[in-house]
């Protein structure tokens, strides 16, 4: 016999009629590490064995039987007389797995019960009941969940994302993001970590190999089964889900002028183990008493939400996804792992205010910053055309796509530029170039009254 424990690995039986033993038993968490940009791993003691009972046909005279496992994972009972019988696998649901408390602690099981689409409904209903005290609700959708829903409803991934955005916003969600964006941060940090470890492989036998850590099922197995033999090899880079948690609860909350506890962050994930990952103490903000990811719902739970609302995803009018930080971007120029230059793009007065505060405190890390007063820059300028038959965000998305489709070139490569520097400006660093192509700025004194304003 065998069992399927909610996607957490197979259970290998020891003998017929006895409970199965999980290949990766889970136990209590260790001491909470200090909160930082990455993650730290710790060994945990083994928990009790899986105790899901399995019914076995005990016929008289059958005696002691052995279990034989085929290459394809099939289980056969081998009797003393040499006869064999294929055994059915025991099916263990998530509820079965949580109910036995052999794999996770009671505290963890309580946290998991808070990770459901019903919890999302409660938050949305509370917002409607008390508008003045509502939380900002953000949903981050994984590309794997999007692909699964696209296959179910026979849609392409882009239409699926936009229709899913429309559905969540119809329920009362304020912003819908794509975790493909936060995956960029996970990949970049993983790359940097690998390069650093590769360079010091001669100094430590545990520098390589680097083992990816984005799968929480694998992490639970490593922490609770193999401990110190494996943990030093794990990458400390956060998974895309938890990187998005940092972006939403830290960066995005600041952009909205909110503390992290005033934002409810929900992720849509392909795996139940992501609920456990979100519940790790590493990702809990002690100061504001909130988690980076408040609730994880699976792709299946999204389908259940659609069914409960009587909505088919294919029938919804699409809506554009929200952009997390299009109005604030950073770029660095590096050599041999050292940052040589640090650039930023800052659009909108909320971001400008943050930049100015850094300047006043002497903590601005940038070498050059592009600053625009309008969110999304000049493409969203006040004098731009406003189409009456298109939503604002959808129109802006189309304008940005058309603008980006125009081929650009380095300014010095533009025809005629260098020639005019020679003929008109008398050189690239001439007094004439400084006079005609540069200007100066001066502080404006604050008027004592409105009558003293000079026009």
Foldseek 3Di string as FASTA:
>chain_A
DWEDAQPLQIFDDDFPQADTFGPFAFDDDDDADDADQFAAAFADAGFAGQHDGDDDDDDPPQPGWGWDADPVGWIWTQTPVRDIDTDDYHYHYNCSNLVVCRRDHPVLSVLLVCFAVVVVLVLLVVCVVCVVQHFQEEEEEELVLLVVLCVVQVHDSQLSQQLLQVVVVVSPHDAYHYLVVLQVVLVVLQVLLLVVLVVCCVVDVLSDDADEDQDLSVSSRCRHPVGPVPRSRYDRRYHSVLSQLCLCQPVQCLLVVHHSVRYAYEYEAAGSSVSSVQVDPNQADPVNGAGSHSHYYYSVSVVVVCVVVVHDSVPGDGHDHDDRPPQKDKDFDDDPSHTDFIEMHHEAVSSVVVQVVCVVVVNRPHPYYHYAHHVVHPLLDPPDDDDPVDDPVVVSVVSVVVVVVDDDDDPVPPPPPVVCCVVPVVHDPDPSCCVPVHDDDDDDDDDPDPVPDDD
